[in-house]
Amino acid sequence: MANKIRYVPLYLWLMFTIVLFGFAILASFSTTRGIFTNELFESGLHVSNYLVLFKDMNMGRYFLNSVIYTVSACVGVLVVAAPAAYILGRVRFRGRRLVETMFLSALSIPALLITIPLFTMFVQLKLTGSLLTLVLIYICTNVPFSVFLLSGFFSSIPKELEESAAIDGCGPVKSFVKVMLPVAQPGLITVSIFNFIAIWNDYIFALIFANNPKTHTLALALQSIVQGFTNSGNYAGIFAASMVVFVPTFVLYIFISGKIVSGITVGAVKG
C-alpha cells in the first residue's frame, strides 16, 4: 500500500499533463468560439487551422529551416564533441583538468552575455543572415555541454575493448570509430536529443542572427503568428501553430525515450 501511495503525485502530474496536452490538441482542430464556450467540436473538425498556417503563413518554409538548423547543428556538435570527450574521458595528459574546467565554465555563461560579441564578430565576417551562421552558433554553444556529458560515457567504457582492438591491429583513430563510438551509442543519442530540443526551441539566437525572413525558424514564426492571431482573435490558429512546433520533439522523444534512459544510466557509472 505504501508503494502505491508514493506514486500518487506522479499519477496526478501525469493526469494534469495529459489533460493540458489533450485540450491543446483538440483546441487546434476547433474554433475560437468553441474554445471559449468549452464546446470544442460543436462545428466539426477544423483541419483548416493547419492548412492556413502552411498556405498563408508560410509555415512549411519555417519548418524546413528549423529542420536544417537542428539536424546540421546536432551532427556538427557530435563531430566536434565526441573526439574531444573521448580524449578527456580516456587519456591522461598535462593540462587535462584545466581543459575540463574550461568546458565546465562555458556551461555557466548565459547566452545573452555572448550574443552581442558574437553578432559583432559575424557582422565583421559578413556572415549574418545566412543559414550557415546560425548552424555555426548552435554548434559552438552546445559543444561544452555535449563534451561534459559524453566524457562520462567514454570514461565508463572498459579499457579491455581498446586493448582488444589494438591486438587486432586497430590504431587509435580506427579504434575510436569502429569500437568506441558504437559502444557509446546511448550517450550519443542522449546528447543529440538534448541538443535537438534546445536548438529546435531556441528563440534568442534565431531572433538576432536569422534576421532575414527567408531564414526564420519555427520559434520566430510562432511568435509572430501568436501576435497576429491574438490581434485577430484566432486562438484556434494559435493552438495549431503551437502544435506544429511542439509535436516533432514530442514524437522524437516517445520513440527513443528508452535510449535516453539507458544512456543516462550508463553515463552515470564511472569505470
Protein backbone atom coordinates (compact mmCIF):
# COMPACT_ATOMS: atom_id res chain seq x y z
CA MET A 1 0.00 0.00 0.00
CA ALA A 2 2.84 2.37 0.87
CA ASN A 3 4.46 1.71 -2.51
CA LYS A 4 1.27 2.75 -4.30
CA ILE A 5 0.84 5.91 -2.23
CA ARG A 6 4.25 7.27 -3.15
CA TYR A 7 3.30 7.15 -6.82
CA VAL A 8 0.19 9.31 -6.28
CA PRO A 9 1.98 12.63 -7.04
CA LEU A 10 3.34 11.11 -10.24
CA TYR A 11 -0.11 9.94 -11.33
CA LEU A 12 -1.60 13.36 -10.56
CA TRP A 13 1.10 15.12 -12.55
CA LEU A 14 0.61 12.68 -15.44
CA MET A 15 -3.15 13.25 -15.49
CA PHE A 16 -2.63 17.02 -15.37
CA THR A 17 -0.21 16.85 -18.30
CA ILE A 18 -2.50 14.62 -20.36
CA VAL A 19 -5.47 16.93 -19.81
CA LEU A 20 -3.50 20.01 -20.83
CA PHE A 21 -1.93 18.33 -23.86
CA GLY A 22 -5.25 16.79 -24.90
CA PHE A 23 -7.03 20.12 -24.64
CA ALA A 24 -4.35 21.81 -26.77
CA ILE A 25 -4.68 19.17 -29.50
CA LEU A 26 -8.49 19.37 -29.51
CA ALA A 27 -8.43 23.16 -29.49
CA SER A 28 -6.13 23.19 -32.52
CA PHE A 29 -8.89 21.46 -34.51
CA SER A 30 -11.68 23.66 -33.13
CA THR A 31 -12.72 27.30 -33.41
CA THR A 32 -12.12 30.27 -31.15
CA ARG A 33 -15.79 30.30 -30.16
CA GLY A 34 -15.67 26.59 -29.36
CA ILE A 35 -12.59 27.08 -27.16
CA PHE A 36 -14.16 29.81 -25.03
CA THR A 37 -17.58 28.10 -24.79
CA ASN A 38 -15.99 24.72 -23.96
CA GLU A 39 -17.68 23.13 -26.99
CA LEU A 40 -14.62 22.20 -29.00
CA PHE A 41 -16.24 20.14 -31.74
CA GLU A 42 -19.61 21.84 -31.91
CA SER A 43 -18.98 22.93 -35.52
CA GLY A 44 -16.94 19.89 -36.57
CA LEU A 45 -13.26 19.16 -37.11
CA HIS A 46 -11.38 22.19 -38.46
CA VAL A 47 -8.28 20.95 -40.29
CA SER A 48 -8.28 24.36 -41.98
CA ASN A 49 -6.45 25.76 -38.94
CA TYR A 50 -3.36 23.87 -40.07
CA LEU A 51 -3.92 24.49 -43.77
CA VAL A 52 -3.98 28.24 -43.18
CA LEU A 53 -0.63 28.04 -41.42
CA PHE A 54 1.10 26.25 -44.29
CA LYS A 55 -0.65 28.06 -47.14
CA ASP A 56 -0.97 31.63 -45.89
CA MET A 57 1.63 31.90 -43.10
CA ASN A 58 4.48 30.11 -44.93
CA MET A 59 4.85 27.64 -42.05
CA GLY A 60 6.32 24.97 -44.32
CA ARG A 61 9.38 27.08 -45.10
CA TYR A 62 9.99 27.87 -41.45
CA PHE A 63 9.59 24.19 -40.57
CA LEU A 64 12.19 23.25 -43.19
CA ASN A 65 14.57 25.94 -41.91
CA SER A 66 14.28 24.58 -38.37
CA VAL A 67 14.94 21.04 -39.60
CA ILE A 68 18.05 22.21 -41.48
CA TYR A 69 19.35 24.17 -38.49
CA THR A 70 18.67 21.45 -35.96
CA VAL A 71 19.89 18.40 -37.89
CA SER A 72 23.02 20.14 -39.20
CA ALA A 73 23.91 21.52 -35.78
CA CYS A 74 23.33 18.21 -33.98
CA VAL A 75 25.59 16.39 -36.44
CA GLY A 76 28.21 19.13 -36.18
CA VAL A 77 28.16 19.01 -32.39
CA LEU A 78 28.80 15.25 -32.41
CA VAL A 79 31.65 15.62 -34.90
CA VAL A 80 33.36 18.14 -32.61
CA ALA A 81 32.34 16.93 -29.15
CA ALA A 82 32.75 13.15 -29.50
CA PRO A 83 36.54 13.16 -30.17
CA ALA A 84 37.09 15.85 -27.52
CA ALA A 85 35.07 13.92 -24.93
CA TYR A 86 36.89 10.72 -25.84
CA ILE A 87 40.27 12.33 -25.16
CA LEU A 88 39.12 13.92 -21.90
CA GLY A 89 37.49 10.69 -20.72
CA ARG A 90 40.19 8.20 -21.72
CA VAL A 91 43.56 9.96 -21.94
CA ARG A 92 45.60 11.38 -19.07
CA PHE A 93 47.67 14.38 -20.17
CA ARG A 94 49.11 17.55 -18.67
CA GLY A 95 46.50 20.31 -18.52
CA ARG A 96 43.55 17.93 -18.67
CA ARG A 97 41.96 19.40 -15.55
CA LEU A 98 42.33 22.89 -16.98
CA VAL A 99 40.58 21.87 -20.21
CA GLU A 100 37.76 20.23 -18.25
CA THR A 101 37.39 23.36 -16.14
CA MET A 102 37.17 25.50 -19.28
CA PHE A 103 34.35 23.36 -20.67
CA LEU A 104 32.52 23.43 -17.33
CA SER A 105 32.98 27.20 -17.09
CA ALA A 106 31.44 27.61 -20.55
CA LEU A 107 28.25 25.99 -19.24
CA SER A 108 27.77 28.83 -16.75
CA ILE A 109 27.91 31.61 -19.37
CA PRO A 110 24.40 32.92 -20.22
CA ALA A 111 23.50 33.03 -23.89
CA LEU A 112 22.55 36.72 -23.65
CA LEU A 113 26.05 37.56 -22.41
CA ILE A 114 27.76 36.36 -25.59
CA THR A 115 25.08 37.43 -28.07
CA ILE A 116 26.41 40.94 -28.77
CA PRO A 117 30.08 39.87 -29.14
CA LEU A 118 29.03 37.06 -31.47
CA PHE A 119 26.86 39.38 -33.52
CA THR A 120 29.73 41.90 -33.85
CA MET A 121 32.10 39.17 -34.94
CA PHE A 122 29.73 37.75 -37.54
CA VAL A 123 28.96 41.22 -38.90
CA GLN A 124 32.68 41.80 -39.45
CA LEU A 125 32.91 38.42 -41.17
CA LYS A 126 29.81 39.30 -43.27
CA LEU A 127 28.10 36.06 -42.28
CA THR A 128 24.84 37.43 -40.89
CA GLY A 129 21.54 36.48 -42.48
CA SER A 130 22.61 33.04 -43.77
CA LEU A 131 21.70 29.52 -42.70
CA LEU A 132 25.36 28.75 -42.01
CA THR A 133 25.59 31.49 -39.37
CA LEU A 134 23.01 30.02 -37.06
CA VAL A 135 24.32 26.47 -37.55
CA LEU A 136 27.83 27.54 -36.50
CA ILE A 137 26.48 29.34 -33.44
CA TYR A 138 24.42 26.34 -32.38
CA ILE A 139 27.41 24.04 -32.77
CA CYS A 140 29.75 26.26 -30.76
CA THR A 141 27.27 26.95 -27.95
CA ASN A 142 26.26 23.30 -27.49
CA VAL A 143 29.71 21.71 -27.62
CA PRO A 144 30.61 22.38 -23.93
CA PHE A 145 27.52 20.59 -22.59
CA SER A 146 27.98 17.72 -25.04
CA VAL A 147 31.65 17.25 -24.10
CA PHE A 148 30.79 17.35 -20.41
CA LEU A 149 28.11 14.67 -20.81
CA LEU A 150 29.94 12.43 -23.28
CA SER A 151 33.19 12.34 -21.32
CA GLY A 152 31.33 10.42 -18.62
CA PHE A 153 30.16 7.83 -21.15
CA PHE A 154 33.60 7.29 -22.64
CA SER A 155 35.27 7.04 -19.23
CA SER A 156 32.80 4.29 -18.24
CA ILE A 157 33.76 2.03 -21.19
CA PRO A 158 36.11 -0.82 -20.16
CA LYS A 159 39.72 -0.43 -21.29
CA GLU A 160 39.75 -4.05 -22.41
CA LEU A 161 37.81 -3.10 -25.54
CA GLU A 162 40.58 -0.76 -26.67
CA GLU A 163 43.23 -3.34 -25.81
CA SER A 164 41.41 -5.99 -27.86
CA ALA A 165 41.11 -3.58 -30.78
CA ALA A 166 44.85 -2.81 -30.56
CA ILE A 167 45.66 -6.52 -30.62
CA ASP A 168 43.55 -6.85 -33.78
CA GLY A 169 45.62 -4.12 -35.42
CA CYS A 170 43.36 -1.10 -34.91
CA GLY A 171 45.09 2.23 -34.44
CA PRO A 172 43.74 4.93 -32.11
CA VAL A 173 41.54 6.54 -34.77
CA LYS A 174 40.16 3.27 -36.11
CA SER A 175 39.57 2.01 -32.58
CA PHE A 176 37.64 5.18 -31.78
CA VAL A 177 35.46 4.94 -34.89
CA LYS A 178 34.94 1.17 -35.02
CA VAL A 179 34.80 0.29 -31.32
CA MET A 180 34.21 3.27 -29.04
CA LEU A 181 31.52 5.12 -30.99
CA PRO A 182 29.22 2.08 -31.36
CA VAL A 183 29.59 1.28 -27.66
CA ALA A 184 28.86 4.90 -26.74
CA GLN A 185 25.74 4.99 -28.93
CA PRO A 186 23.33 5.53 -25.98
CA GLY A 187 25.35 8.56 -24.91
CA LEU A 188 25.49 9.98 -28.43
CA ILE A 189 21.73 9.60 -28.79
CA THR A 190 21.09 11.19 -25.40
CA VAL A 191 23.27 14.20 -26.22
CA SER A 192 21.66 14.55 -29.64
CA ILE A 193 18.16 14.61 -28.15
CA PHE A 194 19.06 17.27 -25.60
CA ASN A 195 20.69 19.35 -28.32
CA PHE A 196 17.76 18.78 -30.66
CA ILE A 197 15.25 20.08 -28.13
CA ALA A 198 17.41 23.08 -27.20
CA ILE A 199 18.09 24.09 -30.82
CA TRP A 200 14.56 23.41 -32.07
CA ASN A 201 13.06 25.65 -29.39
CA ASP A 202 15.75 28.35 -29.45
CA TYR A 203 14.48 31.89 -29.79
CA ILE A 204 17.25 34.33 -28.74
CA PHE A 205 19.93 33.35 -31.26
CA ALA A 206 17.37 32.91 -34.03
CA LEU A 207 15.90 36.34 -33.34
CA ILE A 208 19.26 38.08 -33.63
CA PHE A 209 21.12 36.11 -36.30
CA ALA A 210 18.27 34.89 -38.55
CA ASN A 211 17.21 38.45 -39.40
CA ASN A 212 16.25 37.55 -42.96
CA PRO A 213 12.59 36.45 -43.24
CA LYS A 214 13.73 33.61 -45.52
CA THR A 215 15.93 32.19 -42.74
CA HIS A 216 13.42 32.44 -39.87
CA THR A 217 12.84 29.41 -37.64
CA LEU A 218 9.62 27.95 -36.28
CA ALA A 219 10.18 29.70 -32.94
CA LEU A 220 10.26 33.09 -34.64
CA ALA A 221 7.28 32.17 -36.81
CA LEU A 222 5.30 31.09 -33.74
CA GLN A 223 5.99 34.39 -32.01
CA SER A 224 4.79 36.45 -34.97
CA ILE A 225 1.78 34.18 -35.53
CA VAL A 226 0.75 34.46 -31.88
CA GLN A 227 0.90 38.26 -32.08
CA GLY A 228 -1.05 38.38 -35.33
CA PHE A 229 -3.67 35.83 -34.36
CA THR A 230 -4.12 37.42 -30.93
CA ASN A 231 -4.98 40.72 -32.56
CA SER A 232 -7.43 38.99 -34.91
CA GLY A 233 -8.86 36.73 -32.18
CA ASN A 234 -7.87 33.47 -33.91
CA TYR A 235 -6.96 31.45 -30.83
CA ALA A 236 -7.58 28.14 -32.57
CA GLY A 237 -4.83 29.08 -35.02
CA ILE A 238 -2.51 29.81 -32.10
CA PHE A 239 -3.08 26.33 -30.71
CA ALA A 240 -2.46 24.83 -34.17
CA ALA A 241 0.81 26.74 -34.57
CA SER A 242 1.92 25.63 -31.11
CA MET A 243 1.26 22.01 -32.02
CA VAL A 244 3.37 22.31 -35.19
CA VAL A 245 6.30 23.46 -33.05
CA PHE A 246 5.76 21.02 -30.19
CA VAL A 247 4.81 17.71 -31.85
CA PRO A 248 8.17 16.91 -33.60
CA THR A 249 10.17 16.94 -30.36
CA PHE A 250 7.42 15.06 -28.52
CA VAL A 251 7.22 12.30 -31.14
CA LEU A 252 11.01 12.02 -31.28
CA TYR A 253 11.20 11.63 -27.52
CA ILE A 254 8.46 8.98 -27.46
CA PHE A 255 10.28 6.80 -29.98
CA ILE A 256 13.71 6.91 -28.38
CA SER A 257 12.99 7.63 -24.72
CA GLY A 258 14.36 4.21 -23.81
CA LYS A 259 17.71 5.11 -25.35
CA ILE A 260 17.81 8.30 -23.30
CA VAL A 261 17.15 6.49 -20.02
CA SER A 262 19.74 3.81 -20.72
CA GLY A 263 22.22 6.42 -21.86
CA ILE A 264 21.91 8.49 -18.70
CA THR A 265 22.25 5.32 -16.59
CA VAL A 266 25.42 4.25 -18.38
CA GLY A 267 26.93 7.72 -18.25
CA ALA A 268 26.33 7.98 -14.52
CA VAL A 269 28.62 5.00 -13.81
CA LYS A 270 32.32 5.76 -13.92
CA GLY A 271 34.59 2.93 -14.98
